[in-house]
Amino acid sequence: MNEFLLVSVLLLSAGQIEAAKDEAGPQEKAQSAARLKFMKEKAERFTFLTNGAKPNELELVAQPVLRWANPDSFVVDSATFLWLANRRAQ
């Protein structure tokens, strides 16, 4: 069986704006939750298929496998999402 599977990791940036230094705890949590919701909605828009005679649609894992920021490049919040085929990462 000569089937190639699409390997994909999606990195979504929720913004390129530098975070305010004096954000309050509850406000920061609410903003983080809103950014996560935005990134999940964007990830759900993608559809990936396996390559081969019988293409199968890959399933998006609901939660990102990694959330990160890069203050040096002004990336406030980003996420790495994973898609599965037969419960295996692709």
PDB file of N, CA and C in Angstrom:
ATOM      1  N   MET A   1       0.850  -1.156   0.000  1.00  0.00           N
ATOM      2  CA  MET A   1       0.000   0.000   0.000  1.00  0.00           C
ATOM      3  C   MET A   1       0.908   1.234   0.000  1.00  0.00           C
ATOM      4  N   ASN A   2       0.865   1.956  -1.104  1.00  0.00           N
ATOM      5  CA  ASN A   2       1.723   3.121  -1.278  1.00  0.00           C
ATOM      6  C   ASN A   2       0.921   4.397  -1.088  1.00  0.00           C
ATOM      7  N   GLU A   3       0.666   4.759   0.156  1.00  0.00           N
ATOM      8  CA  GLU A   3      -0.165   5.919   0.417  1.00  0.00           C
ATOM      9  C   GLU A   3       0.642   6.952   1.210  1.00  0.00           C
ATOM     10  N   PHE A   4       0.600   8.177   0.736  1.00  0.00           N
ATOM     11  CA  PHE A   4       1.292   9.245   1.441  1.00  0.00           C
ATOM     12  C   PHE A   4       0.278  10.067   2.216  1.00  0.00           C
ATOM     13  N   LEU A   5       0.619  10.424   3.412  1.00  0.00           N
ATOM     14  CA  LEU A   5      -0.282  11.201   4.250  1.00  0.00           C
ATOM     15  C   LEU A   5       0.222  12.635   4.349  1.00  0.00           C
ATOM     16  N   LEU A   6      -0.713  13.515   4.331  1.00  0.00           N
ATOM     17  CA  LEU A   6      -0.385  14.928   4.471  1.00  0.00           C
ATOM     18  C   LEU A   6      -0.011  15.219   5.912  1.00  0.00           C
ATOM     19  N   VAL A   7       1.161  15.774   6.101  1.00  0.00           N
ATOM     20  CA  VAL A   7       1.618  16.142   7.430  1.00  0.00           C
ATOM     21  C   VAL A   7       1.443  17.642   7.561  1.00  0.00           C
ATOM     22  N   SER A   8       0.720  18.043   8.598  1.00  0.00           N
ATOM     23  CA  SER A   8       0.462  19.474   8.702  1.00  0.00           C
ATOM     24  C   SER A   8       0.439  19.933  10.136  1.00  0.00           C
ATOM     25  N   VAL A   9       1.049  21.031  10.333  1.00  0.00           N
ATOM     26  CA  VAL A   9       0.990  21.748  11.599  1.00  0.00           C
ATOM     27  C   VAL A   9       0.635  23.170  11.257  1.00  0.00           C
ATOM     28  N   LEU A  10      -0.350  23.673  11.930  1.00  0.00           N
ATOM     29  CA  LEU A  10      -0.818  25.020  11.642  1.00  0.00           C
ATOM     30  C   LEU A  10      -0.403  25.949  12.756  1.00  0.00           C
ATOM     31  N   LEU A  11       0.278  26.973  12.353  1.00  0.00           N
ATOM     32  CA  LEU A  11       0.659  27.999  13.313  1.00  0.00           C
ATOM     33  C   LEU A  11      -0.186  29.223  13.018  1.00  0.00           C
ATOM     34  N   LEU A  12      -0.937  29.602  13.979  1.00  0.00           N
ATOM     35  CA  LEU A  12      -1.794  30.777  13.806  1.00  0.00           C
ATOM     36  C   LEU A  12      -1.372  31.833  14.798  1.00  0.00           C
ATOM     37  N   SER A  13      -1.212  32.976  14.293  1.00  0.00           N
ATOM     38  CA  SER A  13      -0.874  34.086  15.159  1.00  0.00           C
ATOM     39  C   SER A  13      -2.134  34.890  15.440  1.00  0.00           C
ATOM     40  N   ALA A  14      -2.376  35.142  16.689  1.00  0.00           N
ATOM     41  CA  ALA A  14      -3.574  35.889  17.067  1.00  0.00           C
ATOM     42  C   ALA A  14      -3.350  37.386  16.984  1.00  0.00           C
ATOM     43  N   GLY A  15      -2.147  37.794  16.814  1.00  0.00           N
ATOM     44  CA  GLY A  15      -1.925  39.229  16.705  1.00  0.00           C
ATOM     45  C   GLY A  15      -0.462  39.578  16.642  1.00  0.00           C
ATOM     46  N   GLN A  16      -0.173  40.727  16.093  1.00  0.00           N
ATOM     47  CA  GLN A  16       1.189  41.213  15.976  1.00  0.00           C
ATOM     48  C   GLN A  16       1.342  42.505  16.778  1.00  0.00           C
ATOM     49  N   ILE A  17       0.580  42.646  17.827  1.00  0.00           N
ATOM     50  CA  ILE A  17       0.586  43.868  18.617  1.00  0.00           C
ATOM     51  C   ILE A  17       1.235  43.575  19.959  1.00  0.00           C
ATOM     52  N   GLU A  18       2.108  44.428  20.375  1.00  0.00           N
ATOM     53  CA  GLU A  18       2.796  44.241  21.649  1.00  0.00           C
ATOM     54  C   GLU A  18       1.798  44.365  22.796  1.00  0.00           C
ATOM     55  N   ALA A  19       1.870  43.435  23.742  1.00  0.00           N
ATOM     56  CA  ALA A  19       0.952  43.431  24.881  1.00  0.00           C
ATOM     57  C   ALA A  19       1.277  44.584  25.817  1.00  0.00           C
ATOM     58  N   ALA A  20       0.253  45.112  26.417  1.00  0.00           N
ATOM     59  CA  ALA A  20       0.442  46.172  27.409  1.00  0.00           C
ATOM     60  C   ALA A  20       1.090  45.574  28.645  1.00  0.00           C
ATOM     61  N   LYS A  21       2.011  46.298  29.227  1.00  0.00           N
ATOM     62  CA  LYS A  21       2.775  45.782  30.357  1.00  0.00           C
ATOM     63  C   LYS A  21       1.961  45.727  31.644  1.00  0.00           C
ATOM     64  N   ASP A  22       0.952  46.581  31.773  1.00  0.00           N
ATOM     65  CA  ASP A  22       0.222  46.698  33.031  1.00  0.00           C
ATOM     66  C   ASP A  22      -1.170  46.073  32.974  1.00  0.00           C
ATOM     67  N   GLU A  23      -1.344  44.964  32.240  1.00  0.00           N
ATOM     68  CA  GLU A  23      -2.648  44.304  32.170  1.00  0.00           C
ATOM     69  C   GLU A  23      -2.953  43.624  33.500  1.00  0.00           C
ATOM     70  N   ALA A  24      -4.188  43.739  33.920  1.00  0.00           N
ATOM     71  CA  ALA A  24      -4.622  43.099  35.161  1.00  0.00           C
ATOM     72  C   ALA A  24      -4.806  41.608  34.941  1.00  0.00           C
ATOM     73  N   GLY A  25      -4.738  40.802  35.994  1.00  0.00           N
ATOM     74  CA  GLY A  25      -4.878  39.351  35.903  1.00  0.00           C
ATOM     75  C   GLY A  25      -6.154  38.897  35.222  1.00  0.00           C
ATOM     76  N   PRO A  26      -7.331  39.287  35.719  1.00  0.00           N
ATOM     77  CA  PRO A  26      -8.586  38.839  35.104  1.00  0.00           C
ATOM     78  C   PRO A  26      -8.741  39.338  33.662  1.00  0.00           C
ATOM     79  N   GLN A  27      -8.309  40.556  33.409  1.00  0.00           N
ATOM     80  CA  GLN A  27      -8.412  41.106  32.049  1.00  0.00           C
ATOM     81  C   GLN A  27      -7.496  40.342  31.097  1.00  0.00           C
ATOM     82  N   GLU A  28      -6.304  40.025  31.551  1.00  0.00           N
ATOM     83  CA  GLU A  28      -5.358  39.267  30.724  1.00  0.00           C
ATOM     84  C   GLU A  28      -5.904  37.877  30.409  1.00  0.00           C
ATOM     85  N   LYS A  29      -6.525  37.235  31.401  1.00  0.00           N
ATOM     86  CA  LYS A  29      -7.110  35.910  31.184  1.00  0.00           C
ATOM     87  C   LYS A  29      -8.245  35.975  30.172  1.00  0.00           C
ATOM     88  N   ALA A  30      -9.073  36.997  30.264  1.00  0.00           N
ATOM     89  CA  ALA A  30     -10.180  37.153  29.319  1.00  0.00           C
ATOM     90  C   ALA A  30      -9.665  37.383  27.905  1.00  0.00           C
ATOM     91  N   GLN A  31      -8.620  38.169  27.771  1.00  0.00           N
ATOM     92  CA  GLN A  31      -8.033  38.415  26.454  1.00  0.00           C
ATOM     93  C   GLN A  31      -7.397  37.150  25.899  1.00  0.00           C
ATOM     94  N   SER A  32      -6.729  36.394  26.741  1.00  0.00           N
ATOM     95  CA  SER A  32      -6.118  35.139  26.316  1.00  0.00           C
ATOM     96  C   SER A  32      -7.184  34.148  25.843  1.00  0.00           C
ATOM     97  N   ALA A  33      -8.290  34.080  26.578  1.00  0.00           N
ATOM     98  CA  ALA A  33      -9.393  33.195  26.194  1.00  0.00           C
ATOM     99  C   ALA A  33     -10.000  33.620  24.859  1.00  0.00           C
ATOM    100  N   ALA A  34     -10.131  34.921  24.654  1.00  0.00           N
ATOM    101  CA  ALA A  34     -10.687  35.426  23.394  1.00  0.00           C
ATOM    102  C   ALA A  34      -9.749  35.120  22.225  1.00  0.00           C
ATOM    103  N   ARG A  35      -8.437  35.250  22.450  1.00  0.00           N
ATOM    104  CA  ARG A  35      -7.477  34.934  21.383  1.00  0.00           C
ATOM    105  C   ARG A  35      -7.500  33.446  21.054  1.00  0.00           C
ATOM    106  N   LEU A  36      -7.608  32.601  22.086  1.00  0.00           N
ATOM    107  CA  LEU A  36      -7.678  31.151  21.853  1.00  0.00           C
ATOM    108  C   LEU A  36      -8.921  30.800  21.054  1.00  0.00           C
ATOM    109  N   LYS A  37     -10.043  31.393  21.383  1.00  0.00           N
ATOM    110  CA  LYS A  37     -11.287  31.153  20.645  1.00  0.00           C
ATOM    111  C   LYS A  37     -11.116  31.545  19.180  1.00  0.00           C
ATOM    112  N   PHE A  38     -10.497  32.696  18.942  1.00  0.00           N
ATOM    113  CA  PHE A  38     -10.247  33.162  17.578  1.00  0.00           C
ATOM    114  C   PHE A  38      -9.373  32.171  16.811  1.00  0.00           C
ATOM    115  N   MET A  39      -8.295  31.704  17.438  1.00  0.00           N
ATOM    116  CA  MET A  39      -7.385  30.770  16.761  1.00  0.00           C
ATOM    117  C   MET A  39      -8.066  29.434  16.464  1.00  0.00           C
ATOM    118  N   LYS A  40      -8.895  28.956  17.392  1.00  0.00           N
ATOM    119  CA  LYS A  40      -9.623  27.706  17.159  1.00  0.00           C
ATOM    120  C   LYS A  40     -10.586  27.846  15.981  1.00  0.00           C
ATOM    121  N   GLU A  41     -11.290  28.982  15.919  1.00  0.00           N
ATOM    122  CA  GLU A  41     -12.220  29.211  14.813  1.00  0.00           C
ATOM    123  C   GLU A  41     -11.480  29.223  13.479  1.00  0.00           C
ATOM    124  N   LYS A  42     -10.314  29.826  13.431  1.00  0.00           N
ATOM    125  CA  LYS A  42      -9.526  29.864  12.198  1.00  0.00           C
ATOM    126  C   LYS A  42      -9.031  28.471  11.822  1.00  0.00           C
ATOM    127  N   ALA A  43      -8.578  27.696  12.793  1.00  0.00           N
ATOM    128  CA  ALA A  43      -8.083  26.345  12.521  1.00  0.00           C
ATOM    129  C   ALA A  43      -9.190  25.448  11.988  1.00  0.00           C
ATOM    130  N   GLU A  44     -10.414  25.630  12.484  1.00  0.00           N
ATOM    131  CA  GLU A  44     -11.552  24.809  12.048  1.00  0.00           C
ATOM    132  C   GLU A  44     -11.907  25.043  10.588  1.00  0.00           C
ATOM    133  N   ARG A  45     -11.487  26.155  10.036  1.00  0.00           N
ATOM    134  CA  ARG A  45     -11.792  26.458   8.635  1.00  0.00           C
ATOM    135  C   ARG A  45     -10.973  25.621   7.654  1.00  0.00           C
ATOM    136  N   PHE A  46      -9.862  25.059   8.116  1.00  0.00           N
ATOM    137  CA  PHE A  46      -8.994  24.279   7.235  1.00  0.00           C
ATOM    138  C   PHE A  46      -9.506  22.849   7.112  1.00  0.00           C
ATOM    139  N   THR A  47      -9.382  22.284   5.922  1.00  0.00           N
ATOM    140  CA  THR A  47      -9.712  20.890   5.678  1.00  0.00           C
ATOM    141  C   THR A  47      -8.497  20.242   5.026  1.00  0.00           C
ATOM    142  N   PHE A  48      -8.004  19.175   5.627  1.00  0.00           N
ATOM    143  CA  PHE A  48      -6.861  18.442   5.084  1.00  0.00           C
ATOM    144  C   PHE A  48      -7.296  17.017   4.789  1.00  0.00           C
ATOM    145  N   LEU A  49      -6.798  16.469   3.691  1.00  0.00           N
ATOM    146  CA  LEU A  49      -7.120  15.103   3.280  1.00  0.00           C
ATOM    147  C   LEU A  49      -5.846  14.296   3.152  1.00  0.00           C
ATOM    148  N   THR A  50      -5.956  12.974   3.407  1.00  0.00           N
ATOM    149  CA  THR A  50      -4.826  12.090   3.149  1.00  0.00           C
ATOM    150  C   THR A  50      -4.687  11.937   1.643  1.00  0.00           C
ATOM    151  N   ASN A  51      -3.506  11.623   1.204  1.00  0.00           N
ATOM    152  CA  ASN A  51      -3.227  11.444  -0.208  1.00  0.00           C
ATOM    153  C   ASN A  51      -3.319   9.957  -0.534  1.00  0.00           C
ATOM    154  N   GLY A  52      -3.932   9.620  -1.634  1.00  0.00           N
ATOM    155  CA  GLY A  52      -4.011   8.221  -2.006  1.00  0.00           C
ATOM    156  C   GLY A  52      -5.286   7.896  -2.754  1.00  0.00           C
ATOM    157  N   ALA A  53      -5.512   6.591  -2.962  1.00  0.00           N
ATOM    158  CA  ALA A  53      -6.667   6.140  -3.717  1.00  0.00           C
ATOM    159  C   ALA A  53      -7.982   6.467  -2.999  1.00  0.00           C
ATOM    160  N   LYS A  54      -7.952   6.411  -1.682  1.00  0.00           N
ATOM    161  CA  LYS A  54      -9.162   6.711  -0.891  1.00  0.00           C
ATOM    162  C   LYS A  54      -8.829   7.818   0.115  1.00  0.00           C
ATOM    163  N   PRO A  55      -8.921   9.078  -0.319  1.00  0.00           N
ATOM    164  CA  PRO A  55      -8.589  10.179   0.597  1.00  0.00           C
ATOM    165  C   PRO A  55      -9.547  10.240   1.782  1.00  0.00           C
ATOM    166  N   ASN A  56      -8.994  10.460   2.941  1.00  0.00           N
ATOM    167  CA  ASN A  56      -9.780  10.616   4.162  1.00  0.00           C
ATOM    168  C   ASN A  56      -9.519  12.007   4.727  1.00  0.00           C
ATOM    169  N   GLU A  57     -10.560  12.593   5.297  1.00  0.00           N
ATOM    170  CA  GLU A  57     -10.412  13.905   5.910  1.00  0.00           C
ATOM    171  C   GLU A  57      -9.757  13.751   7.283  1.00  0.00           C
ATOM    172  N   LEU A  58      -8.771  14.604   7.551  1.00  0.00           N
ATOM    173  CA  LEU A  58      -8.109  14.578   8.842  1.00  0.00           C
ATOM    174  C   LEU A  58      -8.968  15.303   9.875  1.00  0.00           C
ATOM    175  N   GLU A  59      -8.863  14.856  11.109  1.00  0.00           N
ATOM    176  CA  GLU A  59      -9.671  15.395  12.205  1.00  0.00           C
ATOM    177  C   GLU A  59      -8.827  16.350  13.039  1.00  0.00           C
ATOM    178  N   LEU A  60      -9.334  17.540  13.268  1.00  0.00           N
ATOM    179  CA  LEU A  60      -8.648  18.545  14.061  1.00  0.00           C
ATOM    180  C   LEU A  60      -8.775  18.216  15.548  1.00  0.00           C
ATOM    181  N   VAL A  61      -7.650  18.254  16.262  1.00  0.00           N
ATOM    182  CA  VAL A  61      -7.673  18.119  17.719  1.00  0.00           C
ATOM    183  C   VAL A  61      -8.213  19.434  18.277  1.00  0.00           C
ATOM    184  N   ALA A  62      -9.168  19.370  19.170  1.00  0.00           N
ATOM    185  CA  ALA A  62      -9.884  20.570  19.640  1.00  0.00           C
ATOM    186  C   ALA A  62      -8.971  21.588  20.310  1.00  0.00           C
ATOM    187  N   GLN A  63      -8.039  21.122  21.111  1.00  0.00           N
ATOM    188  CA  GLN A  63      -7.136  22.024  21.822  1.00  0.00           C
ATOM    189  C   GLN A  63      -5.779  22.056  21.119  1.00  0.00           C
ATOM    190  N   PRO A  64      -5.122  23.217  21.065  1.00  0.00           N
ATOM    191  CA  PRO A  64      -3.790  23.272  20.469  1.00  0.00           C
ATOM    192  C   PRO A  64      -2.802  22.452  21.296  1.00  0.00           C
ATOM    193  N   VAL A  65      -1.819  21.878  20.631  1.00  0.00           N
ATOM    194  CA  VAL A  65      -0.805  21.101  21.343  1.00  0.00           C
ATOM    195  C   VAL A  65       0.247  22.009  21.965  1.00  0.00           C
ATOM    196  N   LEU A  66       0.304  23.252  21.490  1.00  0.00           N
ATOM    197  CA  LEU A  66       1.272  24.207  22.012  1.00  0.00           C
ATOM    198  C   LEU A  66       0.747  25.620  21.834  1.00  0.00           C
ATOM    199  N   ARG A  67       0.873  26.428  22.874  1.00  0.00           N
ATOM    200  CA  ARG A  67       0.596  27.870  22.769  1.00  0.00           C
ATOM    201  C   ARG A  67       1.880  28.588  23.097  1.00  0.00           C
ATOM    202  N   TRP A  68       2.174  29.605  22.327  1.00  0.00           N
ATOM    203  CA  TRP A  68       3.449  30.286  22.506  1.00  0.00           C
ATOM    204  C   TRP A  68       3.350  31.744  22.105  1.00  0.00           C
ATOM    205  N   ALA A  69       4.354  32.504  22.504  1.00  0.00           N
ATOM    206  CA  ALA A  69       4.475  33.913  22.138  1.00  0.00           C
ATOM    207  C   ALA A  69       5.932  34.180  21.771  1.00  0.00           C
ATOM    208  N   ASN A  70       6.162  35.218  21.007  1.00  0.00           N
ATOM    209  CA  ASN A  70       7.510  35.624  20.634  1.00  0.00           C
ATOM    210  C   ASN A  70       7.600  37.141  20.734  1.00  0.00           C
ATOM    211  N   PRO A  71       7.893  37.643  21.925  1.00  0.00           N
ATOM    212  CA  PRO A  71       7.925  39.095  22.128  1.00  0.00           C
ATOM    213  C   PRO A  71       8.948  39.806  21.238  1.00  0.00           C
ATOM    214  N   ASP A  72      10.022  39.115  20.847  1.00  0.00           N
ATOM    215  CA  ASP A  72      11.037  39.741  19.994  1.00  0.00           C
ATOM    216  C   ASP A  72      10.481  40.127  18.624  1.00  0.00           C
ATOM    217  N   SER A  73       9.507  39.371  18.136  1.00  0.00           N
ATOM    218  CA  SER A  73       8.901  39.704  16.842  1.00  0.00           C
ATOM    219  C   SER A  73       7.473  40.223  17.004  1.00  0.00           C
ATOM    220  N   PHE A  74       7.108  40.593  18.231  1.00  0.00           N
ATOM    221  CA  PHE A  74       5.811  41.188  18.548  1.00  0.00           C
ATOM    222  C   PHE A  74       4.635  40.238  18.336  1.00  0.00           C
ATOM    223  N   VAL A  75       4.874  38.945  18.389  1.00  0.00           N
ATOM    224  CA  VAL A  75       3.781  37.966  18.337  1.00  0.00           C
ATOM    225  C   VAL A  75       3.296  37.768  19.769  1.00  0.00           C
ATOM    226  N   VAL A  76       2.070  38.163  20.016  1.00  0.00           N
ATOM    227  CA  VAL A  76       1.517  38.136  21.368  1.00  0.00           C
ATOM    228  C   VAL A  76       1.097  36.723  21.770  1.00  0.00           C
ATOM    229  N   ASP A  77       0.417  36.022  20.887  1.00  0.00           N
ATOM    230  CA  ASP A  77      -0.137  34.713  21.225  1.00  0.00           C
ATOM    231  C   ASP A  77      -0.280  33.904  19.948  1.00  0.00           C
ATOM    232  N   SER A  78       0.200  32.682  19.959  1.00  0.00           N
ATOM    233  CA  SER A  78       0.088  31.792  18.804  1.00  0.00           C
ATOM    234  C   SER A  78      -0.207  30.384  19.293  1.00  0.00           C
ATOM    235  N   ALA A  79      -0.602  29.541  18.369  1.00  0.00           N
ATOM    236  CA  ALA A  79      -0.931  28.165  18.732  1.00  0.00           C
ATOM    237  C   ALA A  79      -0.507  27.224  17.621  1.00  0.00           C
ATOM    238  N   THR A  80      -0.164  26.007  18.019  1.00  0.00           N
ATOM    239  CA  THR A  80       0.150  24.942  17.079  1.00  0.00           C
ATOM    240  C   THR A  80      -0.951  23.897  17.205  1.00  0.00           C
ATOM    241  N   PHE A  81      -1.649  23.661  16.095  1.00  0.00           N
ATOM    242  CA  PHE A  81      -2.746  22.705  16.088  1.00  0.00           C
ATOM    243  C   PHE A  81      -2.301  21.419  15.406  1.00  0.00           C
ATOM    244  N   LEU A  82      -3.015  20.351  15.684  1.00  0.00           N
ATOM    245  CA  LEU A  82      -2.676  19.038  15.167  1.00  0.00           C
ATOM    246  C   LEU A  82      -3.908  18.408  14.535  1.00  0.00           C
ATOM    247  N   TRP A  83      -3.711  17.707  13.416  1.00  0.00           N
ATOM    248  CA  TRP A  83      -4.776  16.971  12.753  1.00  0.00           C
ATOM    249  C   TRP A  83      -4.459  15.486  12.826  1.00  0.00           C
ATOM    250  N   LEU A  84      -5.498  14.664  12.966  1.00  0.00           N
ATOM    251  CA  LEU A  84      -5.340  13.225  13.132  1.00  0.00           C
ATOM    252  C   LEU A  84      -6.013  12.438  12.016  1.00  0.00           C
ATOM    253  N   ALA A  85      -5.448  11.285  11.735  1.00  0.00           N
ATOM    254  CA  ALA A  85      -6.078  10.279  10.875  1.00  0.00           C
ATOM    255  C   ALA A  85      -5.982   8.954  11.620  1.00  0.00           C
ATOM    256  N   ASN A  86      -7.119   8.324  11.851  1.00  0.00           N
ATOM    257  CA  ASN A  86      -7.171   7.076  12.621  1.00  0.00           C
ATOM    258  C   ASN A  86      -6.489   7.225  13.967  1.00  0.00           C
ATOM    259  N   ARG A  87      -6.737   8.357  14.616  1.00  0.00           N
ATOM    260  CA  ARG A  87      -6.204   8.666  15.942  1.00  0.00           C
ATOM    261  C   ARG A  87      -4.689   8.798  15.977  1.00  0.00           C
ATOM    262  N   ARG A  88      -4.075   9.023  14.813  1.00  0.00           N
ATOM    263  CA  ARG A  88      -2.621   9.222  14.737  1.00  0.00           C
ATOM    264  C   ARG A  88      -2.335  10.607  14.178  1.00  0.00           C
ATOM    265  N   ALA A  89      -1.343  11.246  14.762  1.00  0.00           N
ATOM    266  CA  ALA A  89      -0.961  12.584  14.301  1.00  0.00           C
ATOM    267  C   ALA A  89      -0.444  12.513  12.868  1.00  0.00           C
ATOM    268  N   GLN A  90      -0.832  13.510  12.092  1.00  0.00           N
ATOM    269  CA  GLN A  90      -0.411  13.552  10.692  1.00  0.00           C
ATOM    270  C   GLN A  90       0.347  14.820  10.422  1.00  0.00           C
TER     271      GLN A  90
END
